[in-house]
Amino acid sequence: MYAIIDIGSNTIRMVLYKVIDNEIQQMLNSKIPAGLAGYIDNNNMLSKKGILKAIEALSKFETILESVDVKEVHAFATASLRNISNSEEVLAEIKKHCSFDIEIISGKEEALYDYYGTMKSISSGNGLLVDVGGGSTELVYFENGTLLSTCSIPVGSLNMYTNYVEDIIPTKSEIKNINNHVSEILNTLPLSSEAINSTVLFGVGGSARACCKLSDELFNENSGYTGFECKRLNKILKLAKKDKSKLVSAIIKATPGRIHTIIPGIAIINSVAKHYGCTNFTVSPYGVREGYLLNILESKNL
């Protein structure tokens, strides 16, 4: 059994996997909504309170692991720790209280792991992957199952909420500001819309899964991760100005832990879909954690 701990900007999650006949099987999935991106100060440092939140979450996972027979434990951090100026201090403080050695992975590595994980669940073809985390968004483009381009941009559901939203649910103007900010960054990327030969946008990660859950609740469907047409993203966002009570009620039923970040996350996904001309949205059940583990197993020739 392998334990993978993912320290994200919004949540800290531990997943236990069994490896049987070269296939990974998820046995336990536990998350803690630490919201580390909300504890970054004006000097781009994770505050003492934020560090304590991380230590508290990791200590809970350490307690769980004491009663589980695990072969290896691997912990990594994404934008939560790579985008702050006191990363080394945070790692040292965590090490004082927890036994985990934490690897901070780059945005490119995160995108690559997203790709490795996602390709376990989809047939080869053309597609654009989007993984909206709390503090960054990764984009991966592939054709005929071959990786062609990866990039990471410093926008996520939590930092967009923190920077642009005053209340719980963003207003029409706040959503527009998020869209404009994301679009400006997308326009600077080497991955141009003209280079994309796919109408399918593959969502990876918690924001994408929450988006599907919310869609099913709002439109009385049970599509799971099969997704929907991208124009539905606009319909969901319009509810923020037309029927906020209906939207809030659906969020509480479908994904209560993301009540403040789900709409900023959908706004990011919608901006990506529009920029690259994607018409259909579907979600992969696998992502960065599975890709990270597969990379470890491959390096061990397992």
Protein backbone atom coordinates (compact mmCIF):
# COMPACT_ATOMS: atom_id res chain seq x y z
CA MET A 1 0.00 0.00 0.00
CA TYR A 2 1.21 3.49 -0.90
CA ALA A 3 0.15 6.75 0.74
CA ILE A 4 0.17 9.91 -1.36
CA ILE A 5 -0.31 13.25 0.43
CA ASP A 6 -1.17 16.25 -1.74
CA ILE A 7 -0.70 19.64 -0.05
CA GLY A 8 -2.78 21.99 -2.17
CA SER A 9 -3.72 25.63 -1.82
CA ASN A 10 -7.33 24.77 -0.97
CA THR A 11 -7.25 21.27 0.50
CA ILE A 12 -4.73 18.82 1.92
CA ARG A 13 -5.57 15.28 0.88
CA MET A 14 -4.23 11.81 1.63
CA VAL A 15 -5.04 8.87 -0.63
CA LEU A 16 -4.05 5.25 0.01
CA TYR A 17 -3.49 3.01 -3.01
CA LYS A 18 -2.96 -0.69 -3.56
CA VAL A 19 -0.91 -1.77 -6.55
CA ILE A 20 -2.22 -5.00 -8.08
CA ASP A 21 -0.94 -6.34 -11.41
CA ASN A 22 0.59 -2.97 -12.28
CA GLU A 23 -2.73 -1.23 -11.69
CA ILE A 24 -3.39 1.24 -8.86
CA GLN A 25 -6.55 0.95 -6.81
CA GLN A 26 -7.72 3.67 -4.44
CA MET A 27 -8.45 2.32 -0.96
CA LEU A 28 -8.96 5.47 1.14
CA ASN A 29 -9.41 9.14 0.29
CA SER A 30 -9.35 11.71 3.07
CA LYS A 31 -9.19 15.48 2.72
CA ILE A 32 -8.97 18.47 5.02
CA PRO A 33 -10.00 21.92 3.69
CA ALA A 34 -7.03 23.86 5.07
CA GLY A 35 -7.30 26.80 2.64
CA LEU A 36 -3.59 27.64 2.81
CA ALA A 37 -3.82 30.24 0.02
CA GLY A 38 -5.96 32.33 2.35
CA TYR A 39 -3.07 32.63 4.81
CA ILE A 40 -0.56 34.24 2.46
CA ASP A 41 0.32 37.76 3.60
CA ASN A 42 1.32 40.89 1.66
CA ASN A 43 4.93 39.74 1.61
CA ASN A 44 3.90 36.53 -0.16
CA MET A 45 4.69 34.50 2.96
CA LEU A 46 2.56 31.76 4.49
CA SER A 47 1.63 33.09 7.92
CA LYS A 48 2.26 31.30 11.22
CA LYS A 49 -1.45 30.49 11.38
CA GLY A 50 -1.27 28.98 7.90
CA ILE A 51 1.74 26.88 8.87
CA LEU A 52 -0.15 25.63 11.93
CA LYS A 53 -3.12 24.71 9.71
CA ALA A 54 -0.81 22.61 7.53
CA ILE A 55 0.81 20.94 10.55
CA GLU A 56 -2.59 20.20 12.08
CA ALA A 57 -3.82 18.51 8.90
CA LEU A 58 -0.63 16.51 8.36
CA SER A 59 -0.60 15.38 12.00
CA LYS A 60 -4.09 13.93 11.55
CA PHE A 61 -2.90 11.97 8.53
CA GLU A 62 0.14 10.80 10.47
CA THR A 63 -2.18 9.42 13.17
CA ILE A 64 -4.19 7.52 10.55
CA LEU A 65 -1.02 6.02 9.06
CA GLU A 66 0.06 4.67 12.45
CA SER A 67 -2.74 2.11 12.22
CA VAL A 68 -2.32 1.25 8.53
CA ASP A 69 0.27 -1.03 6.94
CA VAL A 70 1.76 1.28 4.33
CA LYS A 71 4.82 0.42 2.28
CA GLU A 72 5.76 3.99 1.39
CA VAL A 73 4.52 7.50 2.13
CA HIS A 74 5.10 10.29 -0.37
CA ALA A 75 4.06 13.89 0.21
CA PHE A 76 4.16 16.71 -2.29
CA ALA A 77 3.05 20.34 -2.43
CA THR A 78 1.84 22.30 -5.41
CA ALA A 79 1.20 26.06 -5.64
CA SER A 80 0.46 26.10 -1.90
CA LEU A 81 4.19 26.10 -1.12
CA ARG A 82 5.96 26.71 -4.43
CA ASN A 83 4.47 30.19 -4.88
CA ILE A 84 5.40 31.56 -1.45
CA SER A 85 8.63 33.29 -0.44
CA ASN A 86 9.19 31.33 2.80
CA SER A 87 8.97 27.79 1.44
CA GLU A 88 12.11 26.58 3.21
CA GLU A 89 10.96 27.96 6.56
CA VAL A 90 7.58 26.26 6.16
CA LEU A 91 9.15 22.91 5.27
CA ALA A 92 11.49 23.12 8.26
CA GLU A 93 8.65 23.96 10.63
CA ILE A 94 6.51 21.10 9.34
CA LYS A 95 9.44 18.70 9.70
CA LYS A 96 9.71 19.59 13.40
CA HIS A 97 6.22 18.25 14.02
CA CYS A 98 5.66 15.62 11.32
CA SER A 99 7.77 12.84 9.86
CA PHE A 100 6.93 13.62 6.23
CA ASP A 101 9.54 14.70 3.72
CA ILE A 102 7.66 17.05 1.41
CA GLU A 103 8.59 17.57 -2.23
CA ILE A 104 7.57 20.86 -3.81
CA ILE A 105 6.76 20.12 -7.43
CA SER A 106 6.95 22.69 -10.20
CA GLY A 107 4.00 23.79 -12.28
CA LYS A 108 5.37 21.84 -15.25
CA GLU A 109 5.74 18.71 -13.13
CA GLU A 110 2.20 19.12 -11.84
CA ALA A 111 0.90 19.37 -15.41
CA LEU A 112 2.87 16.26 -16.41
CA TYR A 113 1.47 14.27 -13.48
CA ASP A 114 -2.03 15.44 -14.42
CA TYR A 115 -1.42 14.03 -17.88
CA TYR A 116 -0.01 10.70 -16.67
CA GLY A 117 -2.93 10.22 -14.30
CA THR A 118 -5.61 11.24 -16.78
CA MET A 119 -4.32 8.98 -19.55
CA LYS A 120 -5.12 6.02 -17.28
CA SER A 121 -8.82 6.79 -17.61
CA ILE A 122 -9.29 7.95 -21.21
CA SER A 123 -8.59 6.49 -24.61
CA SER A 124 -5.83 8.09 -26.63
CA GLY A 125 -6.89 10.96 -28.86
CA ASN A 126 -6.77 14.73 -28.90
CA GLY A 127 -7.60 16.83 -25.89
CA LEU A 128 -6.87 19.76 -23.63
CA LEU A 129 -6.58 19.13 -19.89
CA VAL A 130 -7.34 21.79 -17.31
CA ASP A 131 -6.64 21.38 -13.60
CA VAL A 132 -7.91 24.31 -11.53
CA GLY A 133 -6.35 24.16 -8.09
CA GLY A 134 -6.60 26.65 -5.28
CA GLY A 135 -3.52 28.63 -6.32
CA SER A 136 -2.69 27.62 -9.88
CA THR A 137 -4.17 26.18 -13.06
CA GLU A 138 -2.38 23.62 -15.20
CA LEU A 139 -3.01 23.17 -18.92
CA VAL A 140 -1.90 20.17 -20.96
CA TYR A 141 -2.48 19.59 -24.66
CA PHE A 142 -2.05 16.21 -26.35
CA GLU A 143 -2.71 14.73 -29.78
CA ASN A 144 -3.14 11.03 -30.52
CA GLY A 145 -2.12 10.28 -26.95
CA THR A 146 1.17 12.20 -27.33
CA LEU A 147 1.96 15.09 -25.00
CA LEU A 148 2.62 18.29 -26.94
CA SER A 149 2.42 21.20 -24.50
CA THR A 150 2.21 21.92 -20.76
CA CYS A 151 1.96 25.15 -18.80
CA SER A 152 0.98 26.42 -15.37
CA ILE A 153 -0.58 29.81 -14.65
CA PRO A 154 -0.84 31.49 -11.21
CA VAL A 155 -4.63 31.61 -11.03
CA GLY A 156 -6.73 29.28 -8.90
CA SER A 157 -10.17 29.06 -7.36
CA LEU A 158 -9.01 30.23 -3.93
CA ASN A 159 -6.68 33.06 -4.92
CA MET A 160 -9.28 34.37 -7.40
CA TYR A 161 -11.84 34.32 -4.59
CA THR A 162 -9.44 36.09 -2.23
CA ASN A 163 -8.41 38.72 -4.77
CA TYR A 164 -11.74 39.48 -6.43
CA VAL A 165 -14.71 38.44 -4.29
CA GLU A 166 -16.04 40.35 -1.29
CA ASP A 167 -18.97 38.11 -0.28
CA ILE A 168 -19.40 34.32 -0.50
CA ILE A 169 -20.78 34.17 -4.05
CA PRO A 170 -19.18 36.51 -6.61
CA THR A 171 -21.28 39.19 -8.29
CA LYS A 172 -21.62 39.62 -12.04
CA SER A 173 -18.86 42.26 -12.09
CA GLU A 174 -16.57 40.12 -9.92
CA ILE A 175 -17.00 37.14 -12.25
CA LYS A 176 -16.22 39.46 -15.18
CA ASN A 177 -13.05 40.63 -13.42
CA ILE A 178 -11.95 37.03 -12.88
CA ASN A 179 -12.66 36.20 -16.53
CA ASN A 180 -10.72 39.25 -17.73
CA HIS A 181 -7.74 38.40 -15.53
CA VAL A 182 -7.62 34.79 -16.74
CA SER A 183 -8.06 35.81 -20.38
CA GLU A 184 -5.18 38.29 -20.15
CA ILE A 185 -2.87 35.53 -18.92
CA LEU A 186 -4.09 33.00 -21.50
CA ASN A 187 -3.30 35.51 -24.25
CA THR A 188 0.36 35.51 -23.19
CA LEU A 189 0.83 31.73 -23.35
CA PRO A 190 2.74 29.99 -26.14
CA LEU A 191 -0.15 27.51 -26.37
CA SER A 192 -2.35 29.45 -28.79
CA SER A 193 -5.99 28.75 -29.54
CA GLU A 194 -5.09 28.16 -33.20
CA ALA A 195 -2.81 25.28 -32.20
CA ILE A 196 -5.57 23.34 -30.43
CA ASN A 197 -7.11 20.59 -32.52
CA SER A 198 -9.73 19.45 -30.04
CA THR A 199 -13.20 20.49 -28.96
CA VAL A 200 -13.00 18.45 -25.73
CA LEU A 201 -11.87 20.00 -22.46
CA PHE A 202 -10.87 17.39 -19.88
CA GLY A 203 -11.27 18.61 -16.31
CA VAL A 204 -8.85 17.26 -13.71
CA GLY A 205 -8.95 17.73 -9.95
CA GLY A 206 -11.37 18.85 -7.27
CA SER A 207 -12.75 21.97 -8.97
CA ALA A 208 -13.67 19.99 -12.09
CA ARG A 209 -15.32 17.21 -10.09
CA ALA A 210 -17.23 19.76 -8.01
CA CYS A 211 -18.38 21.47 -11.21
CA CYS A 212 -19.95 18.20 -12.42
CA LYS A 213 -21.62 17.60 -9.07
CA LEU A 214 -23.09 21.09 -9.08
CA SER A 215 -24.29 20.71 -12.66
CA ASP A 216 -26.07 17.45 -11.81
CA GLU A 217 -27.76 19.10 -8.83
CA LEU A 218 -28.85 22.19 -10.75
CA PHE A 219 -30.11 20.37 -13.83
CA ASN A 220 -31.46 17.24 -12.11
CA GLU A 221 -29.07 14.87 -13.86
CA ASN A 222 -26.85 11.99 -12.86
CA SER A 223 -24.10 12.33 -15.42
CA GLY A 224 -21.26 11.69 -12.99
CA TYR A 225 -18.02 12.63 -14.72
CA THR A 226 -19.28 12.22 -18.30
CA GLY A 227 -19.75 15.97 -18.39
CA PHE A 228 -21.80 18.30 -20.53
CA GLU A 229 -21.59 20.96 -23.25
CA CYS A 230 -19.37 23.88 -22.27
CA LYS A 231 -22.19 26.37 -22.75
CA ARG A 232 -23.63 25.04 -19.48
CA LEU A 233 -20.73 26.68 -17.65
CA ASN A 234 -22.18 30.04 -18.70
CA LYS A 235 -25.63 29.00 -17.48
CA ILE A 236 -24.24 28.19 -14.04
CA LEU A 237 -22.38 31.49 -13.82
CA LYS A 238 -25.47 33.46 -14.85
CA LEU A 239 -27.32 32.08 -11.83
CA ALA A 240 -24.96 34.13 -9.64
CA LYS A 241 -26.80 37.25 -10.83
CA LYS A 242 -30.24 35.87 -11.75
CA ASP A 243 -31.06 33.35 -9.01
CA LYS A 244 -28.39 33.36 -6.30
CA SER A 245 -30.60 31.55 -3.78
CA LYS A 246 -31.06 28.62 -6.16
CA LEU A 247 -27.34 28.53 -6.83
CA VAL A 248 -26.37 28.63 -3.14
CA SER A 249 -28.89 25.90 -2.31
CA ALA A 250 -27.45 23.65 -5.03
CA ILE A 251 -23.86 24.30 -3.93
CA ILE A 252 -24.70 23.40 -0.32
CA LYS A 253 -26.25 20.13 -1.50
CA ALA A 254 -23.59 19.21 -4.03
CA THR A 255 -20.27 20.53 -2.75
CA PRO A 256 -20.62 22.48 0.54
CA GLY A 257 -16.90 22.50 1.28
CA ARG A 258 -16.31 24.60 -1.84
CA ILE A 259 -19.13 27.10 -1.39
CA HIS A 260 -16.76 30.08 -1.72
CA THR A 261 -14.41 28.67 -4.38
CA ILE A 262 -16.64 26.70 -6.75
CA ILE A 263 -17.90 29.69 -8.77
CA PRO A 264 -14.42 31.26 -9.19
CA GLY A 265 -13.23 27.78 -10.24
CA ILE A 266 -16.01 27.47 -12.83
CA ALA A 267 -15.22 30.98 -14.08
CA ILE A 268 -11.62 29.86 -14.74
CA ILE A 269 -12.75 26.69 -16.53
CA ASN A 270 -15.20 28.70 -18.60
CA SER A 271 -12.49 31.20 -19.59
CA VAL A 272 -10.23 28.35 -20.73
CA ALA A 273 -13.06 26.70 -22.70
CA LYS A 274 -13.89 29.96 -24.48
CA HIS A 275 -10.27 30.85 -25.21
CA TYR A 276 -9.51 27.49 -26.83
CA GLY A 277 -12.88 26.96 -28.50
CA CYS A 278 -13.83 23.85 -26.51
CA THR A 279 -17.47 22.80 -26.80
CA ASN A 280 -17.62 19.76 -24.50
CA PHE A 281 -16.46 19.32 -20.92
CA THR A 282 -15.76 15.99 -19.27
CA VAL A 283 -13.91 15.02 -16.10
CA SER A 284 -11.18 12.50 -15.40
CA PRO A 285 -11.46 10.53 -12.14
CA TYR A 286 -7.65 10.46 -12.02
CA GLY A 287 -5.17 13.30 -11.88
CA VAL A 288 -2.01 14.62 -10.28
CA ARG A 289 -1.88 12.18 -7.35
CA GLU A 290 -2.26 9.13 -9.55
CA GLY A 291 0.27 10.53 -12.02
CA TYR A 292 2.71 11.21 -9.19
CA LEU A 293 2.38 7.63 -7.93
CA LEU A 294 2.67 6.15 -11.43
CA ASN A 295 5.90 8.09 -11.91
CA ILE A 296 7.28 6.65 -8.65
CA LEU A 297 6.32 3.12 -9.64
CA GLU A 298 7.87 3.53 -13.08
CA SER A 299 11.14 4.71 -11.55
CA LYS A 300 11.17 1.52 -9.47
CA ASN A 301 10.30 -0.62 -12.52
CA LEU A 302 7.13 -1.80 -10.77
